[in-house]
């Protein structure tokens, strides 16, 4: 369906002068996720620093390819961001190495750490930037935003 695609392209939206619109999708590949891909210019892929993470990524890449072929030929991958990262954990470091070896520059330099404050924020119906702006997780998300803006030749506000 093109409902989300069409809604985001109404002329009334232009008045907001958004540089980016983020559509947060559930982790499963379902109709909501596909509709978001049809509406999007690019996909930011979170990759949990856990066992089998790269195998799930391959299924996502196949879905992106299918959406390109059928509904949105301009869809691109913005990049891959490592999440739930713990530098003290060998598995996190191995997932990072495998991701960087296989995906190279597609993997953002910023890593989102495993952080209690990030996990707690949704239970208070707040983004982590409001819930605890000084937490390591909030700082990492701000850093990721700057990295994305830089990649897209936008200046930080």
C-alpha atoms as a PDB file:
ATOM      1  CA  UNK A   1       0.000   0.000   0.000  1.00  0.00           C
ATOM      2  CA  UNK A   2       1.114   3.538  -0.719  1.00  0.00           C
ATOM      3  CA  UNK A   3      -0.917   5.258   2.042  1.00  0.00           C
ATOM      4  CA  UNK A   4       2.107   6.170   4.165  1.00  0.00           C
ATOM      5  CA  UNK A   5       4.121   7.073   1.069  1.00  0.00           C
ATOM      6  CA  UNK A   6       1.391   9.427  -0.149  1.00  0.00           C
ATOM      7  CA  UNK A   7       0.740  10.912   3.307  1.00  0.00           C
ATOM      8  CA  UNK A   8       4.390  11.893   3.708  1.00  0.00           C
ATOM      9  CA  UNK A   9       4.429  13.568   0.294  1.00  0.00           C
ATOM     10  CA  UNK A  10       1.431  15.876   0.752  1.00  0.00           C
ATOM     11  CA  UNK A  11       2.230  19.517   0.071  1.00  0.00           C
ATOM     12  CA  UNK A  12       1.146  20.406   3.632  1.00  0.00           C
ATOM     13  CA  UNK A  13       4.137  18.425   4.935  1.00  0.00           C
ATOM     14  CA  UNK A  14       6.530  20.737   3.075  1.00  0.00           C
ATOM     15  CA  UNK A  15       5.613  23.609   5.401  1.00  0.00           C
ATOM     16  CA  UNK A  16       7.403  21.807   8.249  1.00  0.00           C
ATOM     17  CA  UNK A  17      10.708  21.864   6.319  1.00  0.00           C
ATOM     18  CA  UNK A  18      11.866  18.554   7.776  1.00  0.00           C
ATOM     19  CA  UNK A  19      15.351  17.382   6.878  1.00  0.00           C
ATOM     20  CA  UNK A  20      14.575  13.871   8.122  1.00  0.00           C
ATOM     21  CA  UNK A  21      11.478  11.900   9.046  1.00  0.00           C
ATOM     22  CA  UNK A  22      12.203   8.749  11.037  1.00  0.00           C
ATOM     23  CA  UNK A  23       9.757   5.855  10.890  1.00  0.00           C
ATOM     24  CA  UNK A  24      10.446   3.463  13.757  1.00  0.00           C
ATOM     25  CA  UNK A  25       9.380  -0.068  12.837  1.00  0.00           C
ATOM     26  CA  UNK A  26       8.913  -3.223  14.881  1.00  0.00           C
ATOM     27  CA  UNK A  27      11.846  -5.634  14.741  1.00  0.00           C
ATOM     28  CA  UNK A  28       9.896  -8.190  12.720  1.00  0.00           C
ATOM     29  CA  UNK A  29       9.606  -7.986   8.953  1.00  0.00           C
ATOM     30  CA  UNK A  30       5.866  -7.509   8.503  1.00  0.00           C
ATOM     31  CA  UNK A  31       3.439  -5.379   6.498  1.00  0.00           C
ATOM     32  CA  UNK A  32       4.171  -2.281   8.623  1.00  0.00           C
ATOM     33  CA  UNK A  33       7.876  -2.572   7.917  1.00  0.00           C
ATOM     34  CA  UNK A  34       7.343  -3.090   4.189  1.00  0.00           C
ATOM     35  CA  UNK A  35       4.977  -0.079   4.045  1.00  0.00           C
ATOM     36  CA  UNK A  36       7.641   2.021   5.761  1.00  0.00           C
ATOM     37  CA  UNK A  37      10.201   0.870   3.162  1.00  0.00           C
ATOM     38  CA  UNK A  38       7.830   1.786   0.338  1.00  0.00           C
ATOM     39  CA  UNK A  39       7.511   5.297   1.839  1.00  0.00           C
ATOM     40  CA  UNK A  40      11.176   5.780   2.746  1.00  0.00           C
ATOM     41  CA  UNK A  41      14.165   7.155   0.903  1.00  0.00           C
ATOM     42  CA  UNK A  42      16.520   5.021   2.960  1.00  0.00           C
ATOM     43  CA  UNK A  43      16.696   2.389   5.695  1.00  0.00           C
ATOM     44  CA  UNK A  44      18.740   2.714   8.876  1.00  0.00           C
ATOM     45  CA  UNK A  45      19.421  -0.839  10.020  1.00  0.00           C
ATOM     46  CA  UNK A  46      19.948  -1.514  13.734  1.00  0.00           C
ATOM     47  CA  UNK A  47      22.128  -4.564  14.281  1.00  0.00           C
ATOM     48  CA  UNK A  48      22.064  -6.007  17.780  1.00  0.00           C
ATOM     49  CA  UNK A  49      25.492  -7.068  18.970  1.00  0.00           C
ATOM     50  CA  UNK A  50      24.299 -10.584  19.681  1.00  0.00           C
ATOM     51  CA  UNK A  51      24.611 -14.117  18.352  1.00  0.00           C
ATOM     52  CA  UNK A  52      23.028 -14.710  14.899  1.00  0.00           C
ATOM     53  CA  UNK A  53      22.559 -10.958  14.318  1.00  0.00           C
ATOM     54  CA  UNK A  54      24.097 -11.057  10.845  1.00  0.00           C
ATOM     55  CA  UNK A  55      21.806 -13.904   9.773  1.00  0.00           C
ATOM     56  CA  UNK A  56      18.736 -11.769  10.492  1.00  0.00           C
ATOM     57  CA  UNK A  57      20.377  -8.973   8.531  1.00  0.00           C
ATOM     58  CA  UNK A  58      20.517 -11.120   5.395  1.00  0.00           C
ATOM     59  CA  UNK A  59      16.713 -11.580   5.482  1.00  0.00           C
ATOM     60  CA  UNK A  60      16.269  -7.809   5.831  1.00  0.00           C
ATOM     61  CA  UNK A  61      18.542  -7.224   2.830  1.00  0.00           C
ATOM     62  CA  UNK A  62      16.418  -9.618   0.752  1.00  0.00           C
ATOM     63  CA  UNK A  63      13.273  -7.710   1.752  1.00  0.00           C
ATOM     64  CA  UNK A  64      14.904  -4.398   0.818  1.00  0.00           C
ATOM     65  CA  UNK A  65      15.860  -5.855  -2.574  1.00  0.00           C
ATOM     66  CA  UNK A  66      12.279  -7.041  -3.110  1.00  0.00           C
ATOM     67  CA  UNK A  67      10.852  -3.614  -2.198  1.00  0.00           C
ATOM     68  CA  UNK A  68      13.305  -2.031  -4.675  1.00  0.00           C
ATOM     69  CA  UNK A  69      12.165  -4.369  -7.426  1.00  0.00           C
ATOM     70  CA  UNK A  70       8.440  -3.956  -6.802  1.00  0.00           C
ATOM     71  CA  UNK A  71       7.548  -0.633  -5.187  1.00  0.00           C
ATOM     72  CA  UNK A  72      10.455   1.697  -4.430  1.00  0.00           C
ATOM     73  CA  UNK A  73      13.411   1.463  -6.825  1.00  0.00           C
ATOM     74  CA  UNK A  74      15.195   4.394  -5.144  1.00  0.00           C
ATOM     75  CA  UNK A  75      15.262   2.825  -1.662  1.00  0.00           C
ATOM     76  CA  UNK A  76      18.802   2.760  -0.320  1.00  0.00           C
ATOM     77  CA  UNK A  77      20.454   1.579   2.847  1.00  0.00           C
ATOM     78  CA  UNK A  78      21.448   4.591   4.945  1.00  0.00           C
ATOM     79  CA  UNK A  79      23.724   2.412   6.999  1.00  0.00           C
ATOM     80  CA  UNK A  80      23.942  -0.169   9.743  1.00  0.00           C
ATOM     81  CA  UNK A  81      24.234   0.839  13.390  1.00  0.00           C
ATOM     82  CA  UNK A  82      25.468  -1.571  16.042  1.00  0.00           C
ATOM     83  CA  UNK A  83      23.136  -1.577  19.044  1.00  0.00           C
ATOM     84  CA  UNK A  84      23.206  -3.136  22.516  1.00  0.00           C
ATOM     85  CA  UNK A  85      26.997  -2.990  22.205  1.00  0.00           C
ATOM     86  CA  UNK A  86      29.181  -3.927  25.174  1.00  0.00           C
ATOM     87  CA  UNK A  87      32.905  -3.440  24.579  1.00  0.00           C
ATOM     88  CA  UNK A  88      33.696  -5.773  27.505  1.00  0.00           C
ATOM     89  CA  UNK A  89      31.874  -8.607  25.743  1.00  0.00           C
ATOM     90  CA  UNK A  90      33.805 -10.732  23.227  1.00  0.00           C
ATOM     91  CA  UNK A  91      30.601 -11.445  21.314  1.00  0.00           C
ATOM     92  CA  UNK A  92      29.904  -7.729  20.778  1.00  0.00           C
ATOM     93  CA  UNK A  93      33.422  -7.218  19.476  1.00  0.00           C
ATOM     94  CA  UNK A  94      33.113 -10.252  17.181  1.00  0.00           C
ATOM     95  CA  UNK A  95      29.761  -9.065  15.771  1.00  0.00           C
ATOM     96  CA  UNK A  96      31.359  -5.655  15.117  1.00  0.00           C
ATOM     97  CA  UNK A  97      34.338  -7.248  13.366  1.00  0.00           C
ATOM     98  CA  UNK A  98      32.107  -9.473  11.225  1.00  0.00           C
ATOM     99  CA  UNK A  99      29.814  -6.547  10.344  1.00  0.00           C
ATOM    100  CA  UNK A 100      32.717  -4.280   9.389  1.00  0.00           C
ATOM    101  CA  UNK A 101      34.463  -7.078   7.445  1.00  0.00           C
ATOM    102  CA  UNK A 102      31.287  -7.876   5.481  1.00  0.00           C
ATOM    103  CA  UNK A 103      29.650  -4.444   5.175  1.00  0.00           C
ATOM    104  CA  UNK A 104      32.593  -2.049   5.389  1.00  0.00           C
ATOM    105  CA  UNK A 105      31.660   1.626   5.256  1.00  0.00           C
ATOM    106  CA  UNK A 106      27.955   0.804   5.542  1.00  0.00           C
ATOM    107  CA  UNK A 107      28.504   0.314   9.293  1.00  0.00           C
ATOM    108  CA  UNK A 108      28.379   3.592  11.185  1.00  0.00           C
ATOM    109  CA  UNK A 109      31.306   4.446  13.437  1.00  0.00           C
ATOM    110  CA  UNK A 110      28.875   5.217  16.265  1.00  0.00           C
ATOM    111  CA  UNK A 111      27.878   2.226  18.382  1.00  0.00           C
ATOM    112  CA  UNK A 112      24.843   2.345  20.673  1.00  0.00           C
ATOM    113  CA  UNK A 113      25.883   0.808  23.995  1.00  0.00           C
ATOM    114  CA  UNK A 114      23.846  -1.581  26.085  1.00  0.00           C
ATOM    115  CA  UNK A 115      22.443   0.982  28.507  1.00  0.00           C
ATOM    116  CA  UNK A 116      19.876   0.659  31.282  1.00  0.00           C
ATOM    117  CA  UNK A 117      18.577   4.195  30.712  1.00  0.00           C
ATOM    118  CA  UNK A 118      17.778   3.418  27.054  1.00  0.00           C
ATOM    119  CA  UNK A 119      15.865   0.305  28.196  1.00  0.00           C
ATOM    120  CA  UNK A 120      13.952   2.196  30.908  1.00  0.00           C
ATOM    121  CA  UNK A 121      12.867   5.202  28.807  1.00  0.00           C
ATOM    122  CA  UNK A 122       9.968   3.504  26.928  1.00  0.00           C
ATOM    123  CA  UNK A 123       8.326   2.434  30.194  1.00  0.00           C
ATOM    124  CA  UNK A 124       8.023   6.161  31.016  1.00  0.00           C
ATOM    125  CA  UNK A 125       6.764   6.922  27.481  1.00  0.00           C
ATOM    126  CA  UNK A 126       9.791   9.136  26.899  1.00  0.00           C
ATOM    127  CA  UNK A 127      12.638   9.093  24.413  1.00  0.00           C
ATOM    128  CA  UNK A 128      15.970   8.519  26.133  1.00  0.00           C
ATOM    129  CA  UNK A 129      17.029  12.069  25.188  1.00  0.00           C
ATOM    130  CA  UNK A 130      14.324  13.372  27.521  1.00  0.00           C
ATOM    131  CA  UNK A 131      14.407  10.588  30.082  1.00  0.00           C
ATOM    132  CA  UNK A 132      18.143  10.893  30.753  1.00  0.00           C
ATOM    133  CA  UNK A 133      19.860  13.235  28.336  1.00  0.00           C
ATOM    134  CA  UNK A 134      23.259  12.681  29.930  1.00  0.00           C
ATOM    135  CA  UNK A 135      23.234   8.888  29.789  1.00  0.00           C
ATOM    136  CA  UNK A 136      25.711   7.038  27.600  1.00  0.00           C
ATOM    137  CA  UNK A 137      22.862   5.806  25.407  1.00  0.00           C
ATOM    138  CA  UNK A 138      21.458   9.310  24.842  1.00  0.00           C
ATOM    139  CA  UNK A 139      24.916  10.658  24.022  1.00  0.00           C
ATOM    140  CA  UNK A 140      25.451   7.798  21.543  1.00  0.00           C
ATOM    141  CA  UNK A 141      22.142   8.536  19.782  1.00  0.00           C
ATOM    142  CA  UNK A 142      23.088  12.227  19.497  1.00  0.00           C
ATOM    143  CA  UNK A 143      26.443  11.204  18.050  1.00  0.00           C
ATOM    144  CA  UNK A 144      24.690   8.908  15.556  1.00  0.00           C
ATOM    145  CA  UNK A 145      22.404  11.775  14.518  1.00  0.00           C
ATOM    146  CA  UNK A 146      25.458  13.973  13.866  1.00  0.00           C
ATOM    147  CA  UNK A 147      27.091  11.183  11.854  1.00  0.00           C
ATOM    148  CA  UNK A 148      23.946  10.763   9.719  1.00  0.00           C
ATOM    149  CA  UNK A 149      23.667  14.527   9.190  1.00  0.00           C
ATOM    150  CA  UNK A 150      27.322  14.730   8.165  1.00  0.00           C
ATOM    151  CA  UNK A 151      26.866  11.810   5.746  1.00  0.00           C
ATOM    152  CA  UNK A 152      23.917  13.650   4.168  1.00  0.00           C
ATOM    153  CA  UNK A 153      25.730  17.024   4.027  1.00  0.00           C
ATOM    154  CA  UNK A 154      23.428  18.618   6.614  1.00  0.00           C
ATOM    155  CA  UNK A 155      24.753  20.877   9.361  1.00  0.00           C
ATOM    156  CA  UNK A 156      24.051  20.198  13.010  1.00  0.00           C
ATOM    157  CA  UNK A 157      21.624  22.623  14.640  1.00  0.00           C
END
